[in-house]
Amino acid sequence: MVFAAFGFIGTLASMALFLMPGNSDNPVMKIMQDSPAYGAWVKFSIPLGLLACGALLAAGIGLMFLKPWARKLSIGYAIYALVFGLIGMVVNFLFLVRPMLEQAREQQGAEAAGAIGGAIGGSIGSCFGLIYPILLLIFMFRPNVVAAFRPSAVLV
């Protein structure tokens, strides 16, 4: 549930950043304006991120009550998060990191260092984003967890 809350807050903050006027000096916003494909990706991924956070919240509540559907939803979320995270890494590299590194070659000093640092930091951050879904999958397939979520036999 904590990860769902962080996800909601992060997704809403991203949405506010992209909708805020006056970001013309922001190199990421400039790349988005110059690349309709990257802008479309961001507009596509924000609503999906909100839906994923909703599923994560529902799964967290269901897990507290040992509901079998919550384990299945958690597994589904983890698979979605891994696939979407990997696709996001590729899209960000192609449309954001690579153009930023190309711009850094043309710049000098602090601007070039900032572009390179942002590209490296964003790539490392994307890798860290895959840790939770991997751990969630591992945990949800542990034998004791599978047994805890198995529907109990109905006594007649």
C-alpha atoms as a PDB file:
ATOM      1  CA  MET A   1       0.000   0.000   0.000  1.00  0.00           C
ATOM      2  CA  VAL A   2       2.957   2.293   0.662  1.00  0.00           C
ATOM      3  CA  PHE A   3       4.315   1.675  -2.843  1.00  0.00           C
ATOM      4  CA  ALA A   4       0.851   2.421  -4.256  1.00  0.00           C
ATOM      5  CA  ALA A   5       0.788   5.741  -2.377  1.00  0.00           C
ATOM      6  CA  PHE A   6       4.277   6.636  -3.626  1.00  0.00           C
ATOM      7  CA  GLY A   7       3.223   5.645  -7.136  1.00  0.00           C
ATOM      8  CA  PHE A   8       0.111   7.842  -7.029  1.00  0.00           C
ATOM      9  CA  ILE A   9       2.093  10.803  -5.733  1.00  0.00           C
ATOM     10  CA  GLY A  10       4.893  10.326  -8.286  1.00  0.00           C
ATOM     11  CA  THR A  11       2.514   9.868 -11.202  1.00  0.00           C
ATOM     12  CA  LEU A  12       0.454  12.920 -10.248  1.00  0.00           C
ATOM     13  CA  ALA A  13       3.637  14.981  -9.808  1.00  0.00           C
ATOM     14  CA  SER A  14       4.839  13.875 -13.255  1.00  0.00           C
ATOM     15  CA  MET A  15       1.494  14.791 -14.751  1.00  0.00           C
ATOM     16  CA  ALA A  16       1.621  18.229 -13.115  1.00  0.00           C
ATOM     17  CA  LEU A  17       5.168  18.768 -14.374  1.00  0.00           C
ATOM     18  CA  PHE A  18       4.245  17.909 -17.956  1.00  0.00           C
ATOM     19  CA  LEU A  19       1.101  20.054 -17.895  1.00  0.00           C
ATOM     20  CA  MET A  20       2.749  23.049 -16.238  1.00  0.00           C
ATOM     21  CA  PRO A  21       3.312  25.989 -18.599  1.00  0.00           C
ATOM     22  CA  GLY A  22       6.686  27.656 -18.783  1.00  0.00           C
ATOM     23  CA  ASN A  23       8.909  24.588 -18.929  1.00  0.00           C
ATOM     24  CA  SER A  24      10.572  25.651 -22.180  1.00  0.00           C
ATOM     25  CA  ASP A  25      14.004  25.826 -20.470  1.00  0.00           C
ATOM     26  CA  ASN A  26      13.681  22.233 -19.246  1.00  0.00           C
ATOM     27  CA  PRO A  27      15.681  19.991 -21.625  1.00  0.00           C
ATOM     28  CA  VAL A  28      13.324  17.037 -21.046  1.00  0.00           C
ATOM     29  CA  MET A  29      10.313  19.162 -21.975  1.00  0.00           C
ATOM     30  CA  LYS A  30      12.169  20.391 -25.053  1.00  0.00           C
ATOM     31  CA  ILE A  31      12.849  16.804 -26.139  1.00  0.00           C
ATOM     32  CA  MET A  32       9.173  15.935 -25.565  1.00  0.00           C
ATOM     33  CA  GLN A  33       8.109  18.890 -27.711  1.00  0.00           C
ATOM     34  CA  ASP A  34      10.540  17.867 -30.457  1.00  0.00           C
ATOM     35  CA  SER A  35       9.527  14.197 -30.350  1.00  0.00           C
ATOM     36  CA  PRO A  36       5.801  13.501 -30.746  1.00  0.00           C
ATOM     37  CA  ALA A  37       6.483   9.787 -30.202  1.00  0.00           C
ATOM     38  CA  TYR A  38       8.000  10.421 -26.754  1.00  0.00           C
ATOM     39  CA  GLY A  39       5.206  12.826 -25.850  1.00  0.00           C
ATOM     40  CA  ALA A  40       2.650  10.174 -26.836  1.00  0.00           C
ATOM     41  CA  TRP A  41       4.495   7.605 -24.703  1.00  0.00           C
ATOM     42  CA  VAL A  42       4.323   9.876 -21.659  1.00  0.00           C
ATOM     43  CA  LYS A  43       0.617  10.586 -22.243  1.00  0.00           C
ATOM     44  CA  PHE A  44       0.002   6.834 -22.615  1.00  0.00           C
ATOM     45  CA  SER A  45       2.036   5.784 -19.584  1.00  0.00           C
ATOM     46  CA  ILE A  46       0.580   8.244 -17.045  1.00  0.00           C
ATOM     47  CA  PRO A  47      -2.981   6.812 -17.054  1.00  0.00           C
ATOM     48  CA  LEU A  48      -1.569   3.272 -17.067  1.00  0.00           C
ATOM     49  CA  GLY A  49       0.583   4.193 -14.088  1.00  0.00           C
ATOM     50  CA  LEU A  50      -2.455   5.434 -12.184  1.00  0.00           C
ATOM     51  CA  LEU A  51      -4.342   2.217 -12.972  1.00  0.00           C
ATOM     52  CA  ALA A  52      -1.356   0.132 -11.883  1.00  0.00           C
ATOM     53  CA  CYS A  53      -1.189   2.050  -8.594  1.00  0.00           C
ATOM     54  CA  GLY A  54      -4.887   1.369  -8.061  1.00  0.00           C
ATOM     55  CA  ALA A  55      -4.329  -2.338  -8.665  1.00  0.00           C
ATOM     56  CA  LEU A  56      -1.359  -2.301  -6.296  1.00  0.00           C
ATOM     57  CA  LEU A  57      -3.459  -0.626  -3.593  1.00  0.00           C
ATOM     58  CA  ALA A  58      -6.320  -3.109  -4.026  1.00  0.00           C
ATOM     59  CA  ALA A  59      -3.869  -6.011  -3.937  1.00  0.00           C
ATOM     60  CA  GLY A  60      -2.240  -4.673  -0.776  1.00  0.00           C
ATOM     61  CA  ILE A  61      -5.584  -4.440   0.999  1.00  0.00           C
ATOM     62  CA  GLY A  62      -6.564  -7.914  -0.219  1.00  0.00           C
ATOM     63  CA  LEU A  63      -3.236  -9.358   0.915  1.00  0.00           C
ATOM     64  CA  MET A  64      -3.863  -8.130   4.449  1.00  0.00           C
ATOM     65  CA  PHE A  65      -7.023 -10.250   4.517  1.00  0.00           C
ATOM     66  CA  LEU A  66      -5.373 -13.239   2.773  1.00  0.00           C
ATOM     67  CA  LYS A  67      -7.713 -13.046  -0.212  1.00  0.00           C
ATOM     68  CA  PRO A  68      -6.629 -15.448  -3.003  1.00  0.00           C
ATOM     69  CA  TRP A  69      -7.474 -12.867  -5.683  1.00  0.00           C
ATOM     70  CA  ALA A  70      -5.003 -10.452  -4.066  1.00  0.00           C
ATOM     71  CA  ARG A  71      -2.095 -12.862  -4.575  1.00  0.00           C
ATOM     72  CA  LYS A  72      -3.086 -13.275  -8.233  1.00  0.00           C
ATOM     73  CA  LEU A  73      -3.437  -9.517  -8.661  1.00  0.00           C
ATOM     74  CA  SER A  74      -0.015  -9.017  -7.056  1.00  0.00           C
ATOM     75  CA  ILE A  75       1.539 -11.494  -9.481  1.00  0.00           C
ATOM     76  CA  GLY A  76      -0.212  -9.768 -12.391  1.00  0.00           C
ATOM     77  CA  TYR A  77       0.989  -6.373 -11.180  1.00  0.00           C
ATOM     78  CA  ALA A  78       4.571  -7.641 -10.824  1.00  0.00           C
ATOM     79  CA  ILE A  79       4.590  -9.032 -14.368  1.00  0.00           C
ATOM     80  CA  TYR A  80       3.053  -5.820 -15.724  1.00  0.00           C
ATOM     81  CA  ALA A  81       5.576  -3.682 -13.795  1.00  0.00           C
ATOM     82  CA  LEU A  82       8.530  -5.699 -15.098  1.00  0.00           C
ATOM     83  CA  VAL A  83       7.360  -5.654 -18.724  1.00  0.00           C
ATOM     84  CA  PHE A  84       6.308  -2.006 -18.642  1.00  0.00           C
ATOM     85  CA  GLY A  85       9.501  -1.051 -16.796  1.00  0.00           C
ATOM     86  CA  LEU A  86      11.700  -2.716 -19.411  1.00  0.00           C
ATOM     87  CA  ILE A  87       9.738  -1.143 -22.267  1.00  0.00           C
ATOM     88  CA  GLY A  88       9.978   2.209 -20.491  1.00  0.00           C
ATOM     89  CA  MET A  89      13.754   1.846 -20.188  1.00  0.00           C
ATOM     90  CA  VAL A  90      14.056   1.238 -23.935  1.00  0.00           C
ATOM     91  CA  VAL A  91      11.725   4.131 -24.822  1.00  0.00           C
ATOM     92  CA  ASN A  92      13.517   6.488 -22.433  1.00  0.00           C
ATOM     93  CA  PHE A  93      16.891   5.491 -23.850  1.00  0.00           C
ATOM     94  CA  LEU A  94      15.799   5.989 -27.442  1.00  0.00           C
ATOM     95  CA  PHE A  95      13.864   9.233 -27.013  1.00  0.00           C
ATOM     96  CA  LEU A  96      15.392  10.869 -23.936  1.00  0.00           C
ATOM     97  CA  VAL A  97      18.802   9.559 -22.872  1.00  0.00           C
ATOM     98  CA  ARG A  98      20.345   9.322 -26.338  1.00  0.00           C
ATOM     99  CA  PRO A  99      19.220  12.859 -27.372  1.00  0.00           C
ATOM    100  CA  MET A 100      20.451  14.237 -24.033  1.00  0.00           C
ATOM    101  CA  LEU A 101      23.857  12.628 -24.526  1.00  0.00           C
ATOM    102  CA  GLU A 102      24.008  14.004 -28.074  1.00  0.00           C
ATOM    103  CA  GLN A 103      23.233  17.476 -26.737  1.00  0.00           C
ATOM    104  CA  ALA A 104      25.902  17.045 -24.072  1.00  0.00           C
ATOM    105  CA  ARG A 105      28.536  16.508 -26.780  1.00  0.00           C
ATOM    106  CA  GLU A 106      27.686  19.935 -28.189  1.00  0.00           C
ATOM    107  CA  GLN A 107      27.772  21.705 -24.806  1.00  0.00           C
ATOM    108  CA  GLN A 108      30.519  22.613 -22.387  1.00  0.00           C
ATOM    109  CA  GLY A 109      30.876  22.706 -18.624  1.00  0.00           C
ATOM    110  CA  ALA A 110      28.009  22.383 -16.196  1.00  0.00           C
ATOM    111  CA  GLU A 111      25.324  21.913 -18.869  1.00  0.00           C
ATOM    112  CA  ALA A 112      27.125  18.924 -20.374  1.00  0.00           C
ATOM    113  CA  ALA A 113      27.804  17.425 -16.941  1.00  0.00           C
ATOM    114  CA  GLY A 114      24.160  17.901 -15.972  1.00  0.00           C
ATOM    115  CA  ALA A 115      22.927  16.170 -19.114  1.00  0.00           C
ATOM    116  CA  ILE A 116      25.308  13.237 -18.636  1.00  0.00           C
ATOM    117  CA  GLY A 117      24.492  12.984 -14.926  1.00  0.00           C
ATOM    118  CA  GLY A 118      20.760  13.071 -15.651  1.00  0.00           C
ATOM    119  CA  ALA A 119      21.076  10.351 -18.285  1.00  0.00           C
ATOM    120  CA  ILE A 120      23.112   8.086 -16.006  1.00  0.00           C
ATOM    121  CA  GLY A 121      20.948   8.769 -12.957  1.00  0.00           C
ATOM    122  CA  GLY A 122      17.743   8.119 -14.865  1.00  0.00           C
ATOM    123  CA  SER A 123      19.079   4.829 -16.201  1.00  0.00           C
ATOM    124  CA  ILE A 124      20.169   3.646 -12.762  1.00  0.00           C
ATOM    125  CA  GLY A 125      16.847   4.769 -11.281  1.00  0.00           C
ATOM    126  CA  SER A 126      14.969   2.722 -13.878  1.00  0.00           C
ATOM    127  CA  CYS A 127      16.926  -0.366 -12.840  1.00  0.00           C
ATOM    128  CA  PHE A 128      16.071   0.238  -9.177  1.00  0.00           C
ATOM    129  CA  GLY A 129      12.405   0.453 -10.187  1.00  0.00           C
ATOM    130  CA  LEU A 130      12.530  -3.213 -11.206  1.00  0.00           C
ATOM    131  CA  ILE A 131      13.604  -4.435  -7.756  1.00  0.00           C
ATOM    132  CA  TYR A 132      10.157  -4.328  -6.131  1.00  0.00           C
ATOM    133  CA  PRO A 133       8.313  -6.316  -8.844  1.00  0.00           C
ATOM    134  CA  ILE A 134      11.069  -8.938  -8.854  1.00  0.00           C
ATOM    135  CA  LEU A 135      10.932  -9.310  -5.070  1.00  0.00           C
ATOM    136  CA  LEU A 136       7.129  -9.375  -5.185  1.00  0.00           C
ATOM    137  CA  LEU A 137       7.168 -12.245  -7.692  1.00  0.00           C
ATOM    138  CA  ILE A 138       9.696 -14.186  -5.633  1.00  0.00           C
ATOM    139  CA  PHE A 139       7.668 -13.669  -2.459  1.00  0.00           C
ATOM    140  CA  MET A 140       4.293 -14.540  -4.010  1.00  0.00           C
ATOM    141  CA  PHE A 141       5.627 -17.904  -5.235  1.00  0.00           C
ATOM    142  CA  ARG A 142       7.138 -18.994  -1.924  1.00  0.00           C
ATOM    143  CA  PRO A 143       5.447 -22.242  -0.807  1.00  0.00           C
ATOM    144  CA  ASN A 144       4.259 -20.852   2.532  1.00  0.00           C
ATOM    145  CA  VAL A 145       2.697 -17.820   0.806  1.00  0.00           C
ATOM    146  CA  VAL A 146       0.989 -20.009  -1.796  1.00  0.00           C
ATOM    147  CA  ALA A 147      -0.401 -22.184   1.030  1.00  0.00           C
ATOM    148  CA  ALA A 148      -1.624 -19.148   3.002  1.00  0.00           C
ATOM    149  CA  PHE A 149      -3.669 -17.937   0.050  1.00  0.00           C
ATOM    150  CA  ARG A 150      -5.087 -21.317  -0.913  1.00  0.00           C
ATOM    151  CA  PRO A 151      -8.868 -21.291  -0.418  1.00  0.00           C
ATOM    152  CA  SER A 152      -9.742 -23.276   2.670  1.00  0.00           C
ATOM    153  CA  ALA A 153     -11.934 -26.362   2.346  1.00  0.00           C
ATOM    154  CA  VAL A 154     -15.590 -25.794   3.033  1.00  0.00           C
ATOM    155  CA  LEU A 155     -16.869 -28.004   5.849  1.00  0.00           C
ATOM    156  CA  VAL A 156     -20.427 -29.258   5.431  1.00  0.00           C
END
